[in-house]
Amino acid sequence: MKLSVRRRPAPVLPGLTATARVERRPRTLLSRLRPGDVAVVDHSDLDRATAQSLVDAGVVAVVNAAPMMSGRYPAQGPGLLAQHGVLLLDRVGAAAGGVEDGSSVRLHESALHLDDGRVLEGRLLALTDLEEETERARLGLASQLETLTHNAAELLRREEELLLHGRGLPALATRFEGRAAVVAVEGPELAAELALVTPYVREQHPVVIAVHQAADRLAAAGLQPDVVVVDGRSDLDPPRAATLTAAADVVVVVAPGDGHATTAAVERVGVRAATLSTTATAEDAALLLAKAGEASPVVGVGLHADLEDFLDRDRGGVASTYLTRLALGPRLVDATAVPLLYSGRVRPRHLYVVMLAGLVALLCALAVTPVGQEWAAWWGERLAGWADRAGSLTDRLTDL
């Protein structure tokens, strides 16, 4: 008789155990993330938009080879992750690149334990730590603004024809003149701001321009973009084929010297796209298209609003955005201002209510005049007579 051997259950190790997804750039990693994964990256000063995308993907921890905050400016991404309960381990160093993609890792205190026995030491960040670093980073804003001024001057020298005169922009089939425009950009505030401007879009029918991933978001909300601006330099997938084919115009923003190869992915779905060669961001290209078409006002949905939002973005695009905002001037309106400036179109039911209120007021005024009292007495007698005849008719029918 063979005796069964009772085995002790494996000990439960402390910490968080999950699957590692490894990529140096967080945005490139987004398409491979699944809820419950640990993102292993090498990226300082994570911006708020990318952090929100990581939260939406359901990551439980972010392990960073670099410091979460460099101190150059108050990056908003790390704080957003911490507020959503995502564990943050930074300063792991170059050894983070040796983590095997798809392997099981365990995060405990300030160490990342790999399945091959290696242990990577780092710094576990709490929300209070990030708040202190953010305050220190605000002291460096002055130097960042100096750099911005220098970069803006260099960009203006290179892109003067485009930024100041609109030369180089493709001709579009969409008519802008005499219409408003709405430019939507993917970002943490896109959903909330889109809800604010949806009544305005449905009633006023402005030209809707969507940049890259925002095009799919708008189409899903029932707002098909008229113009889709695709960032040919982005690591993210382009908008869906259905969104592209439904648009009247598709513009692919490419780097100078990079032509047909960048537009191939769009043309494969049967879309004939125009190209715009520039070092400006796709977001700024969309705003410049609205400006060149003489659209006014231009409502920005998902755009960066205040100074810290403005700096908390792709570092190469800050100067471009700064100059583009200056070029549009007062015609650029933030989405949050639309409910304050636009109360909605007057509908027939609104007129009916006003007419009914006026009629009631007129009848009340007549009722206190001699003529009104005579009319009231006359109508009272008539109504009483009709009531008596109706009662008599009812009695006869009952007798039958």
Protein backbone atom coordinates (compact mmCIF):
# COMPACT_ATOMS: atom_id res chain seq x y z
CA MET A 1 0.00 0.00 0.00
CA LYS A 2 1.43 3.33 -1.11
CA LEU A 3 1.22 6.06 1.48
CA SER A 4 0.36 9.58 0.34
CA VAL A 5 2.89 12.24 1.16
CA ARG A 6 1.55 15.49 2.53
CA ARG A 7 3.44 18.44 1.09
CA ARG A 8 3.60 21.77 2.76
CA PRO A 9 2.08 24.60 0.72
CA ALA A 10 4.55 27.05 -0.76
CA PRO A 11 5.06 30.03 1.53
CA VAL A 12 3.29 33.22 0.54
CA LEU A 13 5.98 35.81 -0.13
CA PRO A 14 5.36 39.39 0.95
CA GLY A 15 4.86 42.17 -1.54
CA LEU A 16 3.16 42.48 -4.89
CA THR A 17 3.63 39.74 -7.51
CA ALA A 18 2.68 40.48 -11.11
CA THR A 19 3.76 40.21 -14.75
CA ALA A 20 6.44 42.62 -15.96
CA ARG A 21 6.05 44.52 -19.22
CA VAL A 22 9.32 46.11 -20.26
CA GLU A 23 9.88 49.04 -22.62
CA ARG A 24 12.09 52.09 -22.32
CA ARG A 25 9.39 54.54 -23.48
CA PRO A 26 6.04 54.30 -21.63
CA ARG A 27 3.93 55.33 -24.63
CA THR A 28 5.33 52.46 -26.69
CA LEU A 29 4.39 50.07 -23.90
CA LEU A 30 0.73 51.07 -23.64
CA SER A 31 -0.61 48.71 -26.30
CA ARG A 32 0.89 45.66 -24.53
CA LEU A 33 -0.26 46.42 -21.01
CA ARG A 34 -2.97 44.40 -19.29
CA PRO A 35 -4.73 45.08 -15.96
CA GLY A 36 -2.52 43.97 -13.07
CA ASP A 37 0.79 44.34 -14.95
CA VAL A 38 3.95 46.04 -13.71
CA ALA A 39 5.34 48.57 -16.20
CA VAL A 40 9.16 48.65 -16.31
CA VAL A 41 10.37 51.82 -18.05
CA ASP A 42 13.29 54.22 -18.31
CA HIS A 43 11.75 57.68 -18.41
CA SER A 44 12.15 60.77 -16.22
CA ASP A 45 9.47 63.42 -15.72
CA LEU A 46 6.49 61.34 -16.77
CA ASP A 47 3.81 63.65 -18.14
CA ARG A 48 0.21 63.61 -16.94
CA ALA A 49 -1.28 62.33 -20.20
CA THR A 50 0.96 59.25 -20.28
CA ALA A 51 0.36 58.62 -16.58
CA GLN A 52 -3.39 58.69 -17.14
CA SER A 53 -2.97 56.17 -19.96
CA LEU A 54 -1.07 53.88 -17.58
CA VAL A 55 -3.85 54.20 -15.01
CA ASP A 56 -6.47 53.43 -17.65
CA ALA A 57 -4.46 50.35 -18.68
CA GLY A 58 -4.76 49.06 -15.09
CA VAL A 59 -1.09 48.84 -14.10
CA VAL A 60 -0.47 48.16 -10.41
CA ALA A 61 3.11 49.41 -10.29
CA VAL A 62 5.64 51.36 -12.35
CA VAL A 63 9.34 50.51 -12.02
CA ASN A 64 11.59 53.21 -13.45
CA ALA A 65 15.29 52.90 -14.20
CA ALA A 66 15.53 56.70 -14.01
CA PRO A 67 14.27 59.09 -11.32
CA MET A 68 10.54 59.72 -11.53
CA MET A 69 11.24 63.45 -11.27
CA SER A 70 14.45 65.08 -12.47
CA GLY A 71 13.76 68.35 -10.64
CA ARG A 72 13.82 70.41 -13.84
CA TYR A 73 10.11 71.17 -13.58
CA PRO A 74 7.12 69.84 -11.58
CA ALA A 75 6.10 66.85 -13.70
CA GLN A 76 2.52 65.83 -12.92
CA GLY A 77 2.60 62.19 -14.02
CA PRO A 78 4.13 60.54 -10.93
CA GLY A 79 1.70 62.26 -8.58
CA LEU A 80 -1.27 61.15 -10.67
CA LEU A 81 -0.08 57.53 -10.53
CA ALA A 82 0.37 57.69 -6.76
CA GLN A 83 -3.09 59.20 -6.29
CA HIS A 84 -4.58 56.19 -8.08
CA GLY A 85 -2.74 53.74 -5.83
CA VAL A 86 -0.05 52.71 -8.33
CA LEU A 87 3.19 51.70 -6.60
CA LEU A 88 6.25 53.64 -7.77
CA LEU A 89 9.83 52.33 -7.64
CA ASP A 90 12.45 54.50 -9.31
CA ARG A 91 16.25 54.83 -9.59
CA VAL A 92 16.61 51.11 -10.29
CA GLY A 93 19.37 51.86 -12.81
CA ALA A 94 20.43 50.16 -16.02
CA ALA A 95 19.71 46.74 -14.50
CA ALA A 96 16.01 47.39 -15.18
CA GLY A 97 16.73 46.73 -18.84
CA GLY A 98 17.61 43.15 -17.91
CA VAL A 99 14.11 42.35 -16.68
CA GLU A 100 12.59 39.82 -19.07
CA ASP A 101 9.37 40.96 -20.68
CA GLY A 102 6.45 38.79 -19.55
CA SER A 103 8.31 37.37 -16.54
CA SER A 104 6.90 37.26 -13.02
CA VAL A 105 8.32 39.85 -10.63
CA ARG A 106 7.70 40.66 -6.99
CA LEU A 107 7.83 44.19 -5.63
CA HIS A 108 8.47 44.36 -1.91
CA GLU A 109 9.42 47.57 -0.10
CA SER A 110 12.26 49.16 -2.13
CA ALA A 111 13.33 46.06 -4.06
CA LEU A 112 12.20 44.29 -7.22
CA HIS A 113 12.67 40.51 -6.98
CA LEU A 114 13.06 38.72 -10.32
CA ASP A 115 12.12 35.11 -10.97
CA ASP A 116 15.78 34.18 -11.56
CA GLY A 117 16.70 35.26 -8.03
CA ARG A 118 18.16 38.67 -8.83
CA VAL A 119 17.11 41.62 -6.70
CA LEU A 120 17.06 45.18 -8.06
CA GLU A 121 17.22 47.92 -5.46
CA GLY A 122 15.51 51.25 -5.95
CA ARG A 123 13.52 53.92 -4.15
CA LEU A 124 9.88 53.33 -3.24
CA LEU A 125 8.03 56.64 -3.55
CA ALA A 126 5.03 57.70 -1.49
CA LEU A 127 2.68 60.53 -2.39
CA THR A 128 4.23 62.74 0.29
CA ASP A 129 7.68 62.22 -1.27
CA LEU A 130 6.36 63.33 -4.64
CA GLU A 131 4.70 66.41 -3.16
CA GLU A 132 8.02 67.48 -1.63
CA GLU A 133 9.88 66.92 -4.91
CA THR A 134 7.21 68.85 -6.79
CA GLU A 135 7.67 71.87 -4.53
CA ARG A 136 11.44 71.77 -5.06
CA ALA A 137 10.98 71.42 -8.81
CA ARG A 138 8.84 74.56 -8.96
CA LEU A 139 11.93 76.54 -8.04
CA GLY A 140 13.47 75.51 -11.37
CA LEU A 141 10.68 76.92 -13.52
CA ALA A 142 12.60 80.13 -14.24
CA SER A 143 15.43 78.26 -15.95
CA GLN A 144 12.92 76.18 -17.92
CA LEU A 145 11.27 79.35 -19.19
CA GLU A 146 14.65 80.68 -20.31
CA THR A 147 15.21 77.47 -22.26
CA LEU A 148 11.72 77.79 -23.73
CA THR A 149 12.47 81.30 -24.97
CA HIS A 150 15.68 80.14 -26.65
CA ASN A 151 14.00 77.12 -28.27
CA ALA A 152 11.10 79.26 -29.48
CA ALA A 153 13.49 81.64 -31.22
CA GLU A 154 15.25 78.73 -32.94
CA LEU A 155 11.96 77.16 -34.00
CA LEU A 156 10.65 80.45 -35.36
CA ARG A 157 13.80 80.77 -37.46
CA ARG A 158 13.23 77.29 -38.95
CA GLU A 159 9.44 77.36 -39.26
CA GLU A 160 8.75 81.06 -39.93
CA GLU A 161 6.87 80.43 -43.19
CA LEU A 162 4.56 77.89 -41.56
CA LEU A 163 3.95 79.56 -38.21
CA LEU A 164 3.54 83.14 -39.40
CA HIS A 165 2.20 82.76 -42.94
CA GLY A 166 0.73 79.25 -43.11
CA ARG A 167 2.86 78.31 -46.10
CA GLY A 168 3.36 74.59 -46.50
CA LEU A 169 -0.05 73.64 -45.13
CA PRO A 170 -1.96 71.24 -47.41
CA ALA A 171 -5.15 72.34 -49.18
CA LEU A 172 -8.19 70.68 -47.62
CA ALA A 173 -11.62 69.84 -48.99
CA THR A 174 -13.27 70.93 -45.73
CA ARG A 175 -14.58 74.50 -45.72
CA PHE A 176 -13.52 76.52 -42.66
CA GLU A 177 -14.36 80.11 -43.54
CA GLY A 178 -17.27 81.52 -41.58
CA ARG A 179 -17.41 78.51 -39.26
CA ALA A 180 -16.08 77.70 -35.82
CA ALA A 181 -13.62 74.85 -35.30
CA VAL A 182 -13.11 72.34 -32.51
CA VAL A 183 -9.63 70.83 -32.15
CA ALA A 184 -9.55 67.71 -29.95
CA VAL A 185 -6.33 66.22 -28.56
CA GLU A 186 -5.88 63.05 -26.53
CA GLY A 187 -5.27 63.86 -22.86
CA PRO A 188 -6.49 63.30 -19.30
CA GLU A 189 -9.20 65.96 -19.61
CA LEU A 190 -10.49 64.96 -23.05
CA ALA A 191 -13.58 63.05 -21.84
CA ALA A 192 -14.69 65.75 -19.39
CA GLU A 193 -14.12 68.61 -21.82
CA LEU A 194 -15.76 66.72 -24.66
CA ALA A 195 -18.93 66.45 -22.56
CA LEU A 196 -18.88 70.25 -22.13
CA VAL A 197 -18.70 71.02 -25.85
CA THR A 198 -20.94 68.25 -27.24
CA PRO A 199 -24.14 70.39 -27.19
CA TYR A 200 -22.22 73.20 -28.90
CA VAL A 201 -20.93 70.83 -31.61
CA ARG A 202 -24.35 69.28 -32.27
CA GLU A 203 -26.10 72.65 -32.55
CA GLN A 204 -23.51 74.87 -34.26
CA HIS A 205 -21.85 72.26 -36.53
CA PRO A 206 -18.27 73.54 -36.32
CA VAL A 207 -15.40 71.92 -38.20
CA VAL A 208 -14.19 69.08 -35.96
CA ILE A 209 -10.45 68.37 -36.11
CA ALA A 210 -9.15 65.40 -34.13
CA VAL A 211 -5.49 64.61 -33.53
CA HIS A 212 -4.36 60.97 -33.72
CA GLN A 213 -5.97 58.85 -30.95
CA ALA A 214 -8.55 61.53 -30.14
CA ALA A 215 -10.20 60.76 -33.50
CA ASP A 216 -11.36 57.34 -32.29
CA ARG A 217 -12.55 58.82 -28.99
CA LEU A 218 -14.70 61.39 -30.82
CA ALA A 219 -16.08 58.83 -33.27
CA ALA A 220 -17.07 56.58 -30.36
CA ALA A 221 -18.91 59.54 -28.80
CA GLY A 222 -20.89 60.07 -32.00
CA LEU A 223 -18.88 63.09 -33.17
CA GLN A 224 -17.23 62.08 -36.44
CA PRO A 225 -14.19 64.30 -37.14
CA ASP A 226 -14.16 66.25 -40.40
CA VAL A 227 -10.37 66.39 -40.37
CA VAL A 228 -8.08 63.79 -38.79
CA VAL A 229 -4.47 64.79 -38.13
CA VAL A 230 -2.24 61.72 -37.81
CA ASP A 231 1.14 62.04 -36.10
CA GLY A 232 3.42 60.08 -38.41
CA ARG A 233 6.25 60.32 -35.88
CA SER A 234 4.27 58.73 -33.04
CA ASP A 235 4.91 55.24 -31.69
CA LEU A 236 1.17 54.80 -31.13
CA ASP A 237 -1.09 53.08 -33.64
CA PRO A 238 -2.96 55.39 -36.04
CA PRO A 239 -6.74 55.82 -35.73
CA ARG A 240 -8.99 52.98 -36.88
CA ALA A 241 -9.65 52.55 -40.59
CA ALA A 242 -13.37 53.34 -40.15
CA THR A 243 -12.53 56.68 -38.52
CA LEU A 244 -10.05 57.61 -41.25
CA THR A 245 -12.31 56.68 -44.15
CA ALA A 246 -15.24 58.63 -42.69
CA ALA A 247 -13.22 61.86 -42.44
CA ALA A 248 -13.32 64.40 -45.26
CA ASP A 249 -9.59 65.10 -44.89
CA VAL A 250 -6.68 63.18 -43.40
CA VAL A 251 -3.37 64.96 -42.81
CA VAL A 252 -0.24 63.07 -41.79
CA VAL A 253 2.38 65.15 -39.98
CA VAL A 254 5.87 63.92 -40.86
CA ALA A 255 9.38 64.95 -39.93
CA PRO A 256 11.28 66.97 -42.56
CA GLY A 257 12.79 64.58 -45.08
CA ASP A 258 10.52 61.69 -44.11
CA GLY A 259 7.87 61.27 -46.77
CA HIS A 260 5.99 58.35 -48.26
CA ALA A 261 7.20 55.70 -45.80
CA THR A 262 5.43 57.48 -42.95
CA THR A 263 2.06 57.68 -44.76
CA ALA A 264 2.11 54.04 -45.91
CA ALA A 265 0.16 52.80 -42.86
CA VAL A 266 -2.66 55.25 -43.59
CA GLU A 267 -2.74 54.62 -47.33
CA ARG A 268 -3.00 50.85 -46.79
CA VAL A 269 -6.59 51.29 -45.58
CA GLY A 270 -7.51 53.10 -48.79
CA VAL A 271 -7.23 56.67 -47.49
CA ARG A 272 -5.56 59.30 -49.62
CA ALA A 273 -3.77 61.47 -47.07
CA ALA A 274 -2.13 64.86 -47.39
CA THR A 275 1.26 65.33 -45.74
CA LEU A 276 2.66 68.18 -43.69
CA SER A 277 6.41 68.23 -43.18
CA THR A 278 7.29 70.10 -39.99
CA THR A 279 9.04 69.89 -36.65
CA ALA A 280 5.91 71.26 -34.93
CA THR A 281 3.68 68.85 -33.02
CA ALA A 282 0.59 67.28 -34.58
CA GLU A 283 -1.53 69.19 -32.06
CA ASP A 284 -0.07 72.48 -33.25
CA ALA A 285 -0.47 71.46 -36.90
CA ALA A 286 -4.20 70.99 -36.27
CA LEU A 287 -4.47 74.46 -34.74
CA LEU A 288 -2.58 75.98 -37.67
CA LEU A 289 -4.95 74.29 -40.14
CA ALA A 290 -7.90 75.93 -38.36
CA LYS A 291 -6.12 79.29 -38.39
CA ALA A 292 -5.25 79.05 -42.09
CA GLY A 293 -8.88 78.24 -42.90
CA GLU A 294 -10.03 81.43 -41.12
CA ALA A 295 -12.10 79.51 -38.58
CA SER A 296 -13.22 81.49 -35.54
CA PRO A 297 -13.47 80.74 -32.72
CA VAL A 298 -11.20 77.73 -32.38
CA VAL A 299 -12.20 75.64 -29.35
CA GLY A 300 -9.41 73.52 -27.87
CA VAL A 301 -10.51 70.23 -26.27
CA GLY A 302 -7.88 68.41 -24.22
CA LEU A 303 -5.26 71.12 -24.76
CA HIS A 304 -2.86 72.16 -22.01
CA ALA A 305 -4.37 75.04 -20.06
CA ASP A 306 -2.09 76.47 -17.36
CA LEU A 307 1.68 76.95 -17.07
CA GLU A 308 2.44 73.64 -15.41
CA ASP A 309 0.21 71.75 -17.86
CA PHE A 310 1.98 73.59 -20.66
CA LEU A 311 5.43 72.51 -19.48
CA ASP A 312 4.27 69.02 -18.51
CA ARG A 313 4.38 67.55 -21.99
CA ASP A 314 6.72 66.31 -24.69
CA ARG A 315 9.81 68.44 -24.11
CA GLY A 316 10.49 68.91 -27.83
CA GLY A 317 7.05 70.38 -28.46
CA VAL A 318 6.88 73.15 -25.87
CA ALA A 319 8.34 75.86 -28.12
CA SER A 320 6.06 74.81 -30.97
CA THR A 321 2.96 75.04 -28.78
CA TYR A 322 4.04 78.38 -27.33
CA LEU A 323 4.40 79.97 -30.78
CA THR A 324 1.23 78.38 -32.15
CA ARG A 325 -0.85 79.76 -29.28
CA LEU A 326 0.57 83.21 -29.98
CA ALA A 327 -0.24 82.84 -33.68
CA LEU A 328 -3.90 82.04 -33.01
CA GLY A 329 -4.27 84.81 -30.46
CA PRO A 330 -7.76 85.60 -29.14
CA ARG A 331 -9.57 83.22 -31.48
CA LEU A 332 -8.37 80.21 -29.41
CA VAL A 333 -10.89 79.37 -26.67
CA ASP A 334 -10.53 76.66 -24.03
CA ALA A 335 -13.31 74.07 -23.88
CA THR A 336 -14.07 74.89 -20.24
CA ALA A 337 -15.13 78.40 -21.31
CA VAL A 338 -17.74 77.21 -23.82
CA PRO A 339 -20.58 76.69 -21.28
CA LEU A 340 -19.98 80.24 -20.02
CA LEU A 341 -20.07 81.77 -23.50
CA TYR A 342 -22.72 79.60 -25.17
CA SER A 343 -26.08 78.88 -23.55
CA GLY A 344 -27.54 76.87 -26.41
CA ARG A 345 -29.73 77.43 -29.44
CA VAL A 346 -33.32 78.71 -29.02
CA ARG A 347 -35.66 75.81 -29.79
CA PRO A 348 -39.39 75.98 -30.76
CA ARG A 349 -40.45 74.71 -27.36
CA HIS A 350 -38.70 77.68 -25.75
CA LEU A 351 -40.82 80.05 -27.90
CA TYR A 352 -44.01 78.16 -27.03
CA VAL A 353 -43.32 78.57 -23.32
CA VAL A 354 -42.73 82.32 -23.76
CA MET A 355 -45.93 82.71 -25.80
CA LEU A 356 -47.96 80.76 -23.24
CA ALA A 357 -46.58 82.86 -20.39
CA GLY A 358 -47.46 86.04 -22.31
CA LEU A 359 -51.00 84.81 -22.99
CA VAL A 360 -51.56 83.98 -19.32
CA ALA A 361 -50.28 87.43 -18.31
CA LEU A 362 -52.62 89.08 -20.85
CA LEU A 363 -55.65 87.17 -19.58
CA CYS A 364 -54.81 88.08 -15.98
CA ALA A 365 -54.57 91.76 -16.93
CA LEU A 366 -57.91 91.68 -18.78
CA ALA A 367 -59.64 89.99 -15.86
CA VAL A 368 -59.30 93.09 -13.65
CA THR A 369 -60.80 95.51 -16.23
CA PRO A 370 -64.57 96.15 -16.74
CA VAL A 371 -64.41 94.72 -20.25
CA GLY A 372 -62.55 91.69 -18.97
CA GLN A 373 -65.13 91.16 -16.23
CA GLU A 374 -67.97 91.34 -18.79
CA TRP A 375 -66.19 88.75 -20.97
CA ALA A 376 -65.60 86.56 -17.94
CA ALA A 377 -69.29 86.77 -16.94
CA TRP A 378 -70.41 86.03 -20.52
CA TRP A 379 -68.09 83.02 -20.84
CA GLY A 380 -69.17 81.87 -17.38
CA GLU A 381 -72.82 81.86 -18.41
CA ARG A 382 -72.03 80.06 -21.65
CA LEU A 383 -70.00 77.40 -19.87
CA ALA A 384 -72.74 76.93 -17.25
CA GLY A 385 -75.30 76.46 -20.04
CA TRP A 386 -73.12 73.90 -21.79
CA ALA A 387 -72.68 72.07 -18.49
CA ASP A 388 -76.47 71.97 -17.89
CA ARG A 389 -77.15 70.62 -21.39
CA ALA A 390 -74.45 68.01 -20.97
CA GLY A 391 -75.98 66.95 -17.64
CA SER A 392 -79.46 66.64 -19.16
CA LEU A 393 -78.12 64.54 -22.01
CA THR A 394 -76.41 62.25 -19.53
CA ASP A 395 -79.66 61.78 -17.55
CA ARG A 396 -81.59 60.84 -20.71
CA LEU A 397 -78.99 58.29 -21.70
CA THR A 398 -79.16 56.82 -18.20
CA ASP A 399 -82.97 56.51 -18.37
CA LEU A 400 -82.68 54.62 -21.62
